[in-house]
Amino acid sequence: LDERERIIAALEQAGWVQAKAARLLNMTPRQVAYRVQTLNIKMR
């Protein structure tokens, strides 16, 4: 998986809650929010 796919997959599993996705990825919510921005992920 590339990083973008991983973040999207985690967001989908977390119901598009960034804090939950961050826990799934062992990242901080800030890191997830940053990648959503930089990787141009459209939040559902």
PDB file of all heavy atoms in Angstrom:
ATOM      1  N   LEU A   1       0.843  -1.193   0.000  1.00  0.00           N
ATOM      2  CA  LEU A   1       0.000   0.000   0.000  1.00  0.00           C
ATOM      3  C   LEU A   1       0.876   1.240   0.000  1.00  0.00           C
ATOM      4  O   LEU A   1       1.854   1.300   0.742  1.00  0.00           O
ATOM      5  CB  LEU A   1      -0.852   0.050   1.276  1.00  0.00           C
ATOM      6  CG  LEU A   1      -2.051  -0.869   1.393  1.00  0.00           C
ATOM      7  CD1 LEU A   1      -2.786  -0.572   2.680  1.00  0.00           C
ATOM      8  CD2 LEU A   1      -2.979  -0.736   0.217  1.00  0.00           C
ATOM      9  N   ASP A   2       0.510   2.242  -0.813  1.00  0.00           N
ATOM     10  CA  ASP A   2       1.217   3.497  -0.648  1.00  0.00           C
ATOM     11  C   ASP A   2       0.557   4.261   0.500  1.00  0.00           C
ATOM     12  O   ASP A   2      -0.497   3.867   1.010  1.00  0.00           O
ATOM     13  CB  ASP A   2       1.295   4.299  -1.951  1.00  0.00           C
ATOM     14  CG  ASP A   2      -0.046   4.833  -2.428  1.00  0.00           C
ATOM     15  OD1 ASP A   2      -0.944   5.053  -1.586  1.00  0.00           O
ATOM     16  OD2 ASP A   2      -0.189   5.047  -3.636  1.00  0.00           O
ATOM     17  N   GLU A   3       1.196   5.327   0.921  1.00  0.00           N
ATOM     18  CA  GLU A   3       0.733   6.009   2.131  1.00  0.00           C
ATOM     19  C   GLU A   3      -0.686   6.534   1.963  1.00  0.00           C
ATOM     20  O   GLU A   3      -1.507   6.442   2.868  1.00  0.00           O
ATOM     21  CB  GLU A   3       1.679   7.167   2.473  1.00  0.00           C
ATOM     22  CG  GLU A   3       1.295   7.790   3.801  1.00  0.00           C
ATOM     23  CD  GLU A   3       2.357   8.719   4.342  1.00  0.00           C
ATOM     24  OE1 GLU A   3       2.835   9.587   3.591  1.00  0.00           O
ATOM     25  OE2 GLU A   3       2.691   8.556   5.513  1.00  0.00           O
ATOM     26  N   ARG A   4      -0.982   7.054   0.777  1.00  0.00           N
ATOM     27  CA  ARG A   4      -2.309   7.611   0.532  1.00  0.00           C
ATOM     28  C   ARG A   4      -3.384   6.517   0.684  1.00  0.00           C
ATOM     29  O   ARG A   4      -4.420   6.734   1.307  1.00  0.00           O
ATOM     30  CB  ARG A   4      -2.338   8.208  -0.876  1.00  0.00           C
ATOM     31  CG  ARG A   4      -3.598   8.989  -1.169  1.00  0.00           C
ATOM     32  CD  ARG A   4      -3.442   9.806  -2.460  1.00  0.00           C
ATOM     33  NE  ARG A   4      -4.540  10.755  -2.547  1.00  0.00           N
ATOM     34  CZ  ARG A   4      -5.743  10.406  -3.015  1.00  0.00           C
ATOM     35  NH1 ARG A   4      -5.970   9.173  -3.431  1.00  0.00           N
ATOM     36  NH2 ARG A   4      -6.715  11.304  -3.051  1.00  0.00           N
ATOM     37  N   GLU A   5      -3.116   5.347   0.101  1.00  0.00           N
ATOM     38  CA  GLU A   5      -4.073   4.235   0.192  1.00  0.00           C
ATOM     39  C   GLU A   5      -4.262   3.812   1.645  1.00  0.00           C
ATOM     40  O   GLU A   5      -5.379   3.487   2.059  1.00  0.00           O
ATOM     41  CB  GLU A   5      -3.583   3.042  -0.634  1.00  0.00           C
ATOM     42  CG  GLU A   5      -3.633   3.269  -2.127  1.00  0.00           C
ATOM     43  CD  GLU A   5      -2.988   2.133  -2.914  1.00  0.00           C
ATOM     44  OE1 GLU A   5      -1.908   1.651  -2.505  1.00  0.00           O
ATOM     45  OE2 GLU A   5      -3.563   1.739  -3.930  1.00  0.00           O
ATOM     46  N   ARG A   6      -3.173   3.774   2.402  1.00  0.00           N
ATOM     47  CA  ARG A   6      -3.258   3.377   3.812  1.00  0.00           C
ATOM     48  C   ARG A   6      -4.134   4.343   4.600  1.00  0.00           C
ATOM     49  O   ARG A   6      -4.949   3.931   5.408  1.00  0.00           O
ATOM     50  CB  ARG A   6      -1.861   3.362   4.456  1.00  0.00           C
ATOM     51  CG  ARG A   6      -1.128   2.071   4.288  1.00  0.00           C
ATOM     52  CD  ARG A   6       0.173   2.078   5.086  1.00  0.00           C
ATOM     53  NE  ARG A   6      -0.061   1.922   6.493  1.00  0.00           N
ATOM     54  CZ  ARG A   6       0.576   2.594   7.454  1.00  0.00           C
ATOM     55  NH1 ARG A   6       1.486   3.473   7.143  1.00  0.00           N
ATOM     56  NH2 ARG A   6       0.311   2.369   8.713  1.00  0.00           N
ATOM     57  N   ILE A   7      -3.920   5.647   4.376  1.00  0.00           N
ATOM     58  CA  ILE A   7      -4.693   6.650   5.110  1.00  0.00           C
ATOM     59  C   ILE A   7      -6.169   6.535   4.749  1.00  0.00           C
ATOM     60  O   ILE A   7      -7.034   6.558   5.623  1.00  0.00           O
ATOM     61  CB  ILE A   7      -4.165   8.074   4.793  1.00  0.00           C
ATOM     62  CG1 ILE A   7      -2.670   8.169   5.070  1.00  0.00           C
ATOM     63  CG2 ILE A   7      -4.984   9.130   5.513  1.00  0.00           C
ATOM     64  CD1 ILE A   7      -2.242   8.757   6.355  1.00  0.00           C
ATOM     65  N   ILE A   8      -6.456   6.397   3.452  1.00  0.00           N
ATOM     66  CA  ILE A   8      -7.851   6.286   3.023  1.00  0.00           C
ATOM     67  C   ILE A   8      -8.481   5.025   3.610  1.00  0.00           C
ATOM     68  O   ILE A   8      -9.608   5.054   4.101  1.00  0.00           O
ATOM     69  CB  ILE A   8      -7.950   6.294   1.476  1.00  0.00           C
ATOM     70  CG1 ILE A   8      -7.580   7.691   0.953  1.00  0.00           C
ATOM     71  CG2 ILE A   8      -9.354   5.895   1.019  1.00  0.00           C
ATOM     72  CD1 ILE A   8      -7.458   7.784  -0.545  1.00  0.00           C
ATOM     73  N   ALA A   9      -7.751   3.915   3.586  1.00  0.00           N
ATOM     74  CA  ALA A   9      -8.287   2.664   4.136  1.00  0.00           C
ATOM     75  C   ALA A   9      -8.585   2.821   5.632  1.00  0.00           C
ATOM     76  O   ALA A   9      -9.623   2.376   6.117  1.00  0.00           O
ATOM     77  CB  ALA A   9      -7.297   1.521   3.904  1.00  0.00           C
ATOM     78  N   ALA A  10      -7.669   3.457   6.342  1.00  0.00           N
ATOM     79  CA  ALA A  10      -7.872   3.655   7.779  1.00  0.00           C
ATOM     80  C   ALA A  10      -9.066   4.572   8.023  1.00  0.00           C
ATOM     81  O   ALA A  10      -9.875   4.323   8.929  1.00  0.00           O
ATOM     82  CB  ALA A  10      -6.614   4.245   8.415  1.00  0.00           C
ATOM     83  N   LEU A  11      -9.184   5.621   7.222  1.00  0.00           N
ATOM     84  CA  LEU A  11     -10.323   6.538   7.379  1.00  0.00           C
ATOM     85  C   LEU A  11     -11.637   5.810   7.124  1.00  0.00           C
ATOM     86  O   LEU A  11     -12.612   5.995   7.849  1.00  0.00           O
ATOM     87  CB  LEU A  11     -10.182   7.724   6.415  1.00  0.00           C
ATOM     88  CG  LEU A  11      -9.164   8.788   6.837  1.00  0.00           C
ATOM     89  CD1 LEU A  11      -8.817   9.689   5.666  1.00  0.00           C
ATOM     90  CD2 LEU A  11      -9.694   9.608   8.005  1.00  0.00           C
ATOM     91  N   GLU A  12     -11.651   4.956   6.112  1.00  0.00           N
ATOM     92  CA  GLU A  12     -12.875   4.214   5.822  1.00  0.00           C
ATOM     93  C   GLU A  12     -13.226   3.301   6.984  1.00  0.00           C
ATOM     94  O   GLU A  12     -14.377   3.218   7.400  1.00  0.00           O
ATOM     95  CB  GLU A  12     -12.723   3.427   4.514  1.00  0.00           C
ATOM     96  CG  GLU A  12     -12.820   4.343   3.308  1.00  0.00           C
ATOM     97  CD  GLU A  12     -12.615   3.626   1.982  1.00  0.00           C
ATOM     98  OE1 GLU A  12     -12.117   2.480   1.977  1.00  0.00           O
ATOM     99  OE2 GLU A  12     -12.945   4.231   0.951  1.00  0.00           O
ATOM    100  N   GLN A  13     -12.214   2.620   7.534  1.00  0.00           N
ATOM    101  CA  GLN A  13     -12.468   1.733   8.671  1.00  0.00           C
ATOM    102  C   GLN A  13     -12.934   2.523   9.888  1.00  0.00           C
ATOM    103  O   GLN A  13     -13.696   2.020  10.703  1.00  0.00           O
ATOM    104  CB  GLN A  13     -11.201   0.945   9.029  1.00  0.00           C
ATOM    105  CG  GLN A  13     -10.860  -0.124   8.012  1.00  0.00           C
ATOM    106  CD  GLN A  13      -9.609  -0.887   8.401  1.00  0.00           C
ATOM    107  OE1 GLN A  13      -9.372  -1.153   9.568  1.00  0.00           O
ATOM    108  NE2 GLN A  13      -8.821  -1.241   7.411  1.00  0.00           N
ATOM    109  N   ALA A  14     -12.457   3.755  10.001  1.00  0.00           N
ATOM    110  CA  ALA A  14     -12.760   4.576  11.172  1.00  0.00           C
ATOM    111  C   ALA A  14     -14.002   5.440  10.963  1.00  0.00           C
ATOM    112  O   ALA A  14     -14.278   6.322  11.764  1.00  0.00           O
ATOM    113  CB  ALA A  14     -11.557   5.461  11.500  1.00  0.00           C
ATOM    114  N   GLY A  15     -14.734   5.192   9.867  1.00  0.00           N
ATOM    115  CA  GLY A  15     -15.914   5.995   9.600  1.00  0.00           C
ATOM    116  C   GLY A  15     -15.575   7.445   9.320  1.00  0.00           C
ATOM    117  O   GLY A  15     -16.350   8.340   9.634  1.00  0.00           O
ATOM    118  N   TRP A  16     -14.391   7.674   8.757  1.00  0.00           N
ATOM    119  CA  TRP A  16     -13.926   9.016   8.377  1.00  0.00           C
ATOM    120  C   TRP A  16     -13.725   9.917   9.586  1.00  0.00           C
ATOM    121  O   TRP A  16     -13.849  11.127   9.503  1.00  0.00           O
ATOM    122  CB  TRP A  16     -14.825   9.647   7.308  1.00  0.00           C
ATOM    123  CG  TRP A  16     -14.678   8.849   6.042  1.00  0.00           C
ATOM    124  CD1 TRP A  16     -15.407   7.750   5.704  1.00  0.00           C
ATOM    125  CD2 TRP A  16     -13.706   9.012   5.014  1.00  0.00           C
ATOM    126  NE1 TRP A  16     -14.938   7.221   4.519  1.00  0.00           N
ATOM    127  CE2 TRP A  16     -13.910   7.975   4.060  1.00  0.00           C
ATOM    128  CE3 TRP A  16     -12.690   9.935   4.790  1.00  0.00           C
ATOM    129  CZ2 TRP A  16     -13.123   7.843   2.921  1.00  0.00           C
ATOM    130  CZ3 TRP A  16     -11.921   9.798   3.649  1.00  0.00           C
ATOM    131  CH2 TRP A  16     -12.131   8.765   2.723  1.00  0.00           C
ATOM    132  N   VAL A  17     -13.409   9.293  10.731  1.00  0.00           N
ATOM    133  CA  VAL A  17     -13.037  10.063  11.918  1.00  0.00           C
ATOM    134  C   VAL A  17     -11.513  10.045  11.992  1.00  0.00           C
ATOM    135  O   VAL A  17     -10.912   8.997  12.197  1.00  0.00           O
ATOM    136  CB  VAL A  17     -13.647   9.443  13.197  1.00  0.00           C
ATOM    137  CG1 VAL A  17     -13.207  10.203  14.429  1.00  0.00           C
ATOM    138  CG2 VAL A  17     -15.170   9.398  13.081  1.00  0.00           C
ATOM    139  N   GLN A  18     -10.907  11.226  11.813  1.00  0.00           N
ATOM    140  CA  GLN A  18      -9.446  11.273  11.705  1.00  0.00           C
ATOM    141  C   GLN A  18      -8.755  10.771  12.965  1.00  0.00           C
ATOM    142  O   GLN A  18      -7.735  10.088  12.890  1.00  0.00           O
ATOM    143  CB  GLN A  18      -8.982  12.687  11.369  1.00  0.00           C
ATOM    144  CG  GLN A  18      -9.305  13.074   9.935  1.00  0.00           C
ATOM    145  CD  GLN A  18      -8.688  14.396   9.532  1.00  0.00           C
ATOM    146  OE1 GLN A  18      -7.791  14.917  10.194  1.00  0.00           O
ATOM    147  NE2 GLN A  18      -9.172  14.951   8.437  1.00  0.00           N
ATOM    148  N   ALA A  19      -9.309  11.086  14.136  1.00  0.00           N
ATOM    149  CA  ALA A  19      -8.662  10.649  15.379  1.00  0.00           C
ATOM    150  C   ALA A  19      -8.657   9.125  15.482  1.00  0.00           C
ATOM    151  O   ALA A  19      -7.677   8.531  15.933  1.00  0.00           O
ATOM    152  CB  ALA A  19      -9.363  11.268  16.585  1.00  0.00           C
ATOM    153  N   LYS A  20      -9.756   8.497  15.053  1.00  0.00           N
ATOM    154  CA  LYS A  20      -9.830   7.034  15.084  1.00  0.00           C
ATOM    155  C   LYS A  20      -8.869   6.433  14.067  1.00  0.00           C
ATOM    156  O   LYS A  20      -8.193   5.440  14.345  1.00  0.00           O
ATOM    157  CB  LYS A  20     -11.250   6.572  14.743  1.00  0.00           C
ATOM    158  CG  LYS A  20     -12.158   6.386  15.916  1.00  0.00           C
ATOM    159  CD  LYS A  20     -13.383   5.606  15.424  1.00  0.00           C
ATOM    160  CE  LYS A  20     -14.547   5.728  16.379  1.00  0.00           C
ATOM    161  NZ  LYS A  20     -15.771   5.174  15.788  1.00  0.00           N
ATOM    162  N   ALA A  21      -8.828   7.031  12.881  1.00  0.00           N
ATOM    163  CA  ALA A  21      -7.920   6.538  11.845  1.00  0.00           C
ATOM    164  C   ALA A  21      -6.479   6.641  12.327  1.00  0.00           C
ATOM    165  O   ALA A  21      -5.664   5.748  12.093  1.00  0.00           O
ATOM    166  CB  ALA A  21      -8.109   7.342  10.553  1.00  0.00           C
ATOM    167  N   ALA A  22      -6.179   7.729  13.027  1.00  0.00           N
ATOM    168  CA  ALA A  22      -4.826   7.917  13.551  1.00  0.00           C
ATOM    169  C   ALA A  22      -4.450   6.771  14.487  1.00  0.00           C
ATOM    170  O   ALA A  22      -3.336   6.247  14.430  1.00  0.00           O
ATOM    171  CB  ALA A  22      -4.724   9.253  14.281  1.00  0.00           C
ATOM    172  N   ARG A  23      -5.402   6.364  15.346  1.00  0.00           N
ATOM    173  CA  ARG A  23      -5.114   5.243  16.255  1.00  0.00           C
ATOM    174  C   ARG A  23      -4.847   3.968  15.471  1.00  0.00           C
ATOM    175  O   ARG A  23      -3.938   3.212  15.814  1.00  0.00           O
ATOM    176  CB  ARG A  23      -6.285   5.029  17.223  1.00  0.00           C
ATOM    177  CG  ARG A  23      -6.233   5.963  18.418  1.00  0.00           C
ATOM    178  CD  ARG A  23      -7.064   5.453  19.581  1.00  0.00           C
ATOM    179  NE  ARG A  23      -8.478   5.342  19.258  1.00  0.00           N
ATOM    180  CZ  ARG A  23      -9.343   6.351  19.301  1.00  0.00           C
ATOM    181  NH1 ARG A  23      -8.944   7.556  19.640  1.00  0.00           N
ATOM    182  NH2 ARG A  23     -10.609   6.165  18.998  1.00  0.00           N
ATOM    183  N   LEU A  24      -5.637   3.726  14.421  1.00  0.00           N
ATOM    184  CA  LEU A  24      -5.433   2.519  13.615  1.00  0.00           C
ATOM    185  C   LEU A  24      -4.047   2.505  12.983  1.00  0.00           C
ATOM    186  O   LEU A  24      -3.455   1.446  12.778  1.00  0.00           O
ATOM    187  CB  LEU A  24      -6.481   2.437  12.498  1.00  0.00           C
ATOM    188  CG  LEU A  24      -7.929   2.172  12.928  1.00  0.00           C
ATOM    189  CD1 LEU A  24      -8.851   2.304  11.724  1.00  0.00           C
ATOM    190  CD2 LEU A  24      -8.065   0.794  13.548  1.00  0.00           C
ATOM    191  N   LEU A  25      -3.536   3.696  12.660  1.00  0.00           N
ATOM    192  CA  LEU A  25      -2.253   3.804  11.965  1.00  0.00           C
ATOM    193  C   LEU A  25      -1.096   4.037  12.926  1.00  0.00           C
ATOM    194  O   LEU A  25       0.038   4.212  12.496  1.00  0.00           O
ATOM    195  CB  LEU A  25      -2.314   4.969  10.968  1.00  0.00           C
ATOM    196  CG  LEU A  25      -3.308   4.797   9.822  1.00  0.00           C
ATOM    197  CD1 LEU A  25      -3.551   6.121   9.126  1.00  0.00           C
ATOM    198  CD2 LEU A  25      -2.813   3.757   8.841  1.00  0.00           C
ATOM    199  N   ASN A  26      -1.386   4.096  14.229  1.00  0.00           N
ATOM    200  CA  ASN A  26      -0.373   4.459  15.227  1.00  0.00           C
ATOM    201  C   ASN A  26       0.261   5.805  14.893  1.00  0.00           C
ATOM    202  O   ASN A  26       1.481   5.971  14.939  1.00  0.00           O
ATOM    203  CB  ASN A  26       0.710   3.368  15.336  1.00  0.00           C
ATOM    204  CG  ASN A  26       0.138   2.096  15.906  1.00  0.00           C
ATOM    205  OD1 ASN A  26      -0.629   2.119  16.863  1.00  0.00           O
ATOM    206  ND2 ASN A  26       0.491   0.980  15.307  1.00  0.00           N
ATOM    207  N   MET A  27      -0.588   6.751  14.523  1.00  0.00           N
ATOM    208  CA  MET A  27      -0.138   8.101  14.215  1.00  0.00           C
ATOM    209  C   MET A  27      -0.921   9.057  15.109  1.00  0.00           C
ATOM    210  O   MET A  27      -1.897   8.664  15.730  1.00  0.00           O
ATOM    211  CB  MET A  27      -0.420   8.434  12.741  1.00  0.00           C
ATOM    212  CG  MET A  27       0.449   7.666  11.765  1.00  0.00           C
ATOM    213  SD  MET A  27      -0.237   7.691  10.100  1.00  0.00           S
ATOM    214  CE  MET A  27       0.233   9.309   9.581  1.00  0.00           C
ATOM    215  N   THR A  28      -0.491  10.303  15.126  1.00  0.00           N
ATOM    216  CA  THR A  28      -1.267  11.304  15.853  1.00  0.00           C
ATOM    217  C   THR A  28      -2.328  11.862  14.906  1.00  0.00           C
ATOM    218  O   THR A  28      -2.153  11.827  13.682  1.00  0.00           O
ATOM    219  CB  THR A  28      -0.365  12.455  16.342  1.00  0.00           C
ATOM    220  OG1 THR A  28       0.110  13.159  15.194  1.00  0.00           O
ATOM    221  CG2 THR A  28       0.800  11.946  17.169  1.00  0.00           C
ATOM    222  N   PRO A  29      -3.435  12.377  15.466  1.00  0.00           N
ATOM    223  CA  PRO A  29      -4.455  12.988  14.597  1.00  0.00           C
ATOM    224  C   PRO A  29      -3.872  14.106  13.733  1.00  0.00           C
ATOM    225  O   PRO A  29      -4.288  14.296  12.598  1.00  0.00           O
ATOM    226  CB  PRO A  29      -5.488  13.529  15.593  1.00  0.00           C
ATOM    227  CG  PRO A  29      -5.341  12.636  16.792  1.00  0.00           C
ATOM    228  CD  PRO A  29      -3.877  12.295  16.861  1.00  0.00           C
ATOM    229  N   ARG A  30      -2.887  14.825  14.267  1.00  0.00           N
ATOM    230  CA  ARG A  30      -2.248  15.888  13.476  1.00  0.00           C
ATOM    231  C   ARG A  30      -1.549  15.331  12.254  1.00  0.00           C
ATOM    232  O   ARG A  30      -1.590  15.917  11.173  1.00  0.00           O
ATOM    233  CB  ARG A  30      -1.195  16.621  14.329  1.00  0.00           C
ATOM    234  CG  ARG A  30      -1.728  17.802  15.070  1.00  0.00           C
ATOM    235  CD  ARG A  30      -0.568  18.546  15.680  1.00  0.00           C
ATOM    236  NE  ARG A  30       0.111  19.341  14.661  1.00  0.00           N
ATOM    237  CZ  ARG A  30       0.148  20.664  14.650  1.00  0.00           C
ATOM    238  NH1 ARG A  30      -0.431  21.335  15.620  1.00  0.00           N
ATOM    239  NH2 ARG A  30       0.752  21.312  13.700  1.00  0.00           N
ATOM    240  N   GLN A  31      -0.849  14.200  12.429  1.00  0.00           N
ATOM    241  CA  GLN A  31      -0.152  13.584  11.298  1.00  0.00           C
ATOM    242  C   GLN A  31      -1.155  13.165  10.221  1.00  0.00           C
ATOM    243  O   GLN A  31      -0.909  13.348   9.028  1.00  0.00           O
ATOM    244  CB  GLN A  31       0.638  12.352  11.756  1.00  0.00           C
ATOM    245  CG  GLN A  31       1.876  12.684  12.566  1.00  0.00           C
ATOM    246  CD  GLN A  31       2.516  11.434  13.134  1.00  0.00           C
ATOM    247  OE1 GLN A  31       1.854  10.622  13.776  1.00  0.00           O
ATOM    248  NE2 GLN A  31       3.803  11.275  12.900  1.00  0.00           N
ATOM    249  N   VAL A  32      -2.280  12.601  10.668  1.00  0.00           N
ATOM    250  CA  VAL A  32      -3.299  12.177   9.708  1.00  0.00           C
ATOM    251  C   VAL A  32      -3.881  13.400   8.994  1.00  0.00           C
ATOM    252  O   VAL A  32      -4.001  13.413   7.768  1.00  0.00           O
ATOM    253  CB  VAL A  32      -4.413  11.358  10.398  1.00  0.00           C
ATOM    254  CG1 VAL A  32      -5.579  11.120   9.451  1.00  0.00           C
ATOM    255  CG2 VAL A  32      -3.846  10.028  10.890  1.00  0.00           C
ATOM    256  N   ALA A  33      -4.205  14.447   9.750  1.00  0.00           N
ATOM    257  CA  ALA A  33      -4.774  15.657   9.146  1.00  0.00           C
ATOM    258  C   ALA A  33      -3.804  16.258   8.131  1.00  0.00           C
ATOM    259  O   ALA A  33      -4.213  16.695   7.046  1.00  0.00           O
ATOM    260  CB  ALA A  33      -5.112  16.673  10.239  1.00  0.00           C
ATOM    261  N   TYR A  34      -2.520  16.244   8.478  1.00  0.00           N
ATOM    262  CA  TYR A  34      -1.499  16.790   7.580  1.00  0.00           C
ATOM    263  C   TYR A  34      -1.458  16.002   6.270  1.00  0.00           C
ATOM    264  O   TYR A  34      -1.406  16.567   5.176  1.00  0.00           O
ATOM    265  CB  TYR A  34      -0.133  16.749   8.272  1.00  0.00           C
ATOM    266  CG  TYR A  34       1.001  17.220   7.388  1.00  0.00           C
ATOM    267  CD1 TYR A  34       1.175  18.574   7.129  1.00  0.00           C
ATOM    268  CD2 TYR A  34       1.888  16.317   6.823  1.00  0.00           C
ATOM    269  CE1 TYR A  34       2.208  19.019   6.315  1.00  0.00           C
ATOM    270  CE2 TYR A  34       2.915  16.747   6.007  1.00  0.00           C
ATOM    271  CZ  TYR A  34       3.076  18.092   5.756  1.00  0.00           C
ATOM    272  OH  TYR A  34       4.095  18.520   4.945  1.00  0.00           O
ATOM    273  N   ARG A  35      -1.507  14.677   6.387  1.00  0.00           N
ATOM    274  CA  ARG A  35      -1.441  13.848   5.181  1.00  0.00           C
ATOM    275  C   ARG A  35      -2.716  13.971   4.362  1.00  0.00           C
ATOM    276  O   ARG A  35      -2.663  13.916   3.129  1.00  0.00           O
ATOM    277  CB  ARG A  35      -1.156  12.391   5.551  1.00  0.00           C
ATOM    278  CG  ARG A  35       0.314  12.203   5.876  1.00  0.00           C
ATOM    279  CD  ARG A  35       0.568  10.881   6.585  1.00  0.00           C
ATOM    280  NE  ARG A  35       1.984  10.683   6.853  1.00  0.00           N
ATOM    281  CZ  ARG A  35       2.651  11.282   7.825  1.00  0.00           C
ATOM    282  NH1 ARG A  35       2.037  12.145   8.620  1.00  0.00           N
ATOM    283  NH2 ARG A  35       3.925  11.027   8.025  1.00  0.00           N
ATOM    284  N   VAL A  36      -3.863  14.108   5.024  1.00  0.00           N
ATOM    285  CA  VAL A  36      -5.110  14.327   4.283  1.00  0.00           C
ATOM    286  C   VAL A  36      -4.952  15.567   3.406  1.00  0.00           C
ATOM    287  O   VAL A  36      -5.351  15.581   2.243  1.00  0.00           O
ATOM    288  CB  VAL A  36      -6.312  14.466   5.252  1.00  0.00           C
ATOM    289  CG1 VAL A  36      -7.527  15.053   4.537  1.00  0.00           C
ATOM    290  CG2 VAL A  36      -6.659  13.107   5.861  1.00  0.00           C
ATOM    291  N   GLN A  37      -4.332  16.602   3.965  1.00  0.00           N
ATOM    292  CA  GLN A  37      -4.099  17.828   3.197  1.00  0.00           C
ATOM    293  C   GLN A  37      -3.072  17.609   2.094  1.00  0.00           C
ATOM    294  O   GLN A  37      -3.326  17.910   0.928  1.00  0.00           O
ATOM    295  CB  GLN A  37      -3.567  18.925   4.121  1.00  0.00           C
ATOM    296  CG  GLN A  37      -4.652  19.787   4.720  1.00  0.00           C
ATOM    297  CD  GLN A  37      -4.028  21.028   5.349  1.00  0.00           C
ATOM    298  OE1 GLN A  37      -2.972  20.967   5.990  1.00  0.00           O
ATOM    299  NE2 GLN A  37      -4.685  22.148   5.184  1.00  0.00           N
ATOM    300  N   THR A  38      -1.891  17.100   2.453  1.00  0.00           N
ATOM    301  CA  THR A  38      -0.793  17.036   1.486  1.00  0.00           C
ATOM    302  C   THR A  38      -1.053  15.993   0.403  1.00  0.00           C
ATOM    303  O   THR A  38      -0.598  16.152  -0.724  1.00  0.00           O
ATOM    304  CB  THR A  38       0.547  16.727   2.178  1.00  0.00           C
ATOM    305  OG1 THR A  38       0.419  15.514   2.909  1.00  0.00           O
ATOM    306  CG2 THR A  38       0.941  17.851   3.111  1.00  0.00           C
ATOM    307  N   LEU A  39      -1.772  14.923   0.736  1.00  0.00           N
ATOM    308  CA  LEU A  39      -2.039  13.872  -0.244  1.00  0.00           C
ATOM    309  C   LEU A  39      -3.352  14.128  -0.974  1.00  0.00           C
ATOM    310  O   LEU A  39      -3.795  13.311  -1.767  1.00  0.00           O
ATOM    311  CB  LEU A  39      -2.073  12.498   0.446  1.00  0.00           C
ATOM    312  CG  LEU A  39      -0.763  12.098   1.128  1.00  0.00           C
ATOM    313  CD1 LEU A  39      -0.971  10.873   1.996  1.00  0.00           C
ATOM    314  CD2 LEU A  39       0.331  11.840   0.108  1.00  0.00           C
ATOM    315  N   ASN A  40      -3.984  15.264  -0.663  1.00  0.00           N
ATOM    316  CA  ASN A  40      -5.212  15.669  -1.353  1.00  0.00           C
ATOM    317  C   ASN A  40      -6.290  14.596  -1.251  1.00  0.00           C
ATOM    318  O   ASN A  40      -6.859  14.175  -2.257  1.00  0.00           O
ATOM    319  CB  ASN A  40      -4.912  16.018  -2.814  1.00  0.00           C
ATOM    320  CG  ASN A  40      -6.049  16.796  -3.438  1.00  0.00           C
ATOM    321  OD1 ASN A  40      -6.825  17.448  -2.739  1.00  0.00           O
ATOM    322  ND2 ASN A  40      -6.161  16.723  -4.752  1.00  0.00           N
ATOM    323  N   ILE A  41      -6.555  14.143  -0.036  1.00  0.00           N
ATOM    324  CA  ILE A  41      -7.594  13.141   0.205  1.00  0.00           C
ATOM    325  C   ILE A  41      -8.905  13.875   0.475  1.00  0.00           C
ATOM    326  O   ILE A  41      -8.964  14.761   1.335  1.00  0.00           O
ATOM    327  CB  ILE A  41      -7.218  12.250   1.405  1.00  0.00           C
ATOM    328  CG1 ILE A  41      -5.963  11.431   1.064  1.00  0.00           C
ATOM    329  CG2 ILE A  41      -8.386  11.332   1.776  1.00  0.00           C
ATOM    330  CD1 ILE A  41      -5.346  10.720   2.251  1.00  0.00           C
ATOM    331  N   LYS A  42      -9.919  13.517  -0.284  1.00  0.00           N
ATOM    332  CA  LYS A  42     -11.219  14.143  -0.088  1.00  0.00           C
ATOM    333  C   LYS A  42     -11.919  13.452   1.087  1.00  0.00           C
ATOM    334  O   LYS A  42     -12.180  12.254   1.016  1.00  0.00           O
ATOM    335  CB  LYS A  42     -12.075  14.012  -1.336  1.00  0.00           C
ATOM    336  CG  LYS A  42     -11.404  14.604  -2.564  1.00  0.00           C
ATOM    337  CD  LYS A  42     -12.295  15.610  -3.250  1.00  0.00           C
ATOM    338  CE  LYS A  42     -11.672  16.193  -4.506  1.00  0.00           C
ATOM    339  NZ  LYS A  42     -10.238  16.439  -4.473  1.00  0.00           N
ATOM    340  N   MET A  43     -12.214  14.196   2.124  1.00  0.00           N
ATOM    341  CA  MET A  43     -12.887  13.610   3.274  1.00  0.00           C
ATOM    342  C   MET A  43     -14.339  13.340   2.936  1.00  0.00           C
ATOM    343  O   MET A  43     -15.046  14.215   2.461  1.00  0.00           O
ATOM    344  CB  MET A  43     -12.815  14.571   4.484  1.00  0.00           C
ATOM    345  CG  MET A  43     -11.442  14.658   5.104  1.00  0.00           C
ATOM    346  SD  MET A  43     -10.829  13.083   5.733  1.00  0.00           S
ATOM    347  CE  MET A  43     -11.937  12.841   7.133  1.00  0.00           C
ATOM    348  N   ARG A  44     -14.769  12.120   3.171  1.00  0.00           N
ATOM    349  CA  ARG A  44     -16.161  11.760   2.934  1.00  0.00           C
ATOM    350  C   ARG A  44     -16.963  12.076   4.181  1.00  0.00           C
ATOM    351  O   ARG A  44     -16.550  11.729   5.290  1.00  0.00           O
ATOM    352  CB  ARG A  44     -16.252  10.264   2.636  1.00  0.00           C
ATOM    353  CG  ARG A  44     -16.954   9.989   1.336  1.00  0.00           C
ATOM    354  CD  ARG A  44     -16.836   8.541   0.993  1.00  0.00           C
ATOM    355  NE  ARG A  44     -15.685   8.318   0.125  1.00  0.00           N
ATOM    356  CZ  ARG A  44     -15.171   7.117  -0.127  1.00  0.00           C
ATOM    357  NH1 ARG A  44     -15.667   6.053   0.464  1.00  0.00           N
ATOM    358  NH2 ARG A  44     -14.154   6.999  -0.930  1.00  0.00           N
TER     359      ARG A  44
END
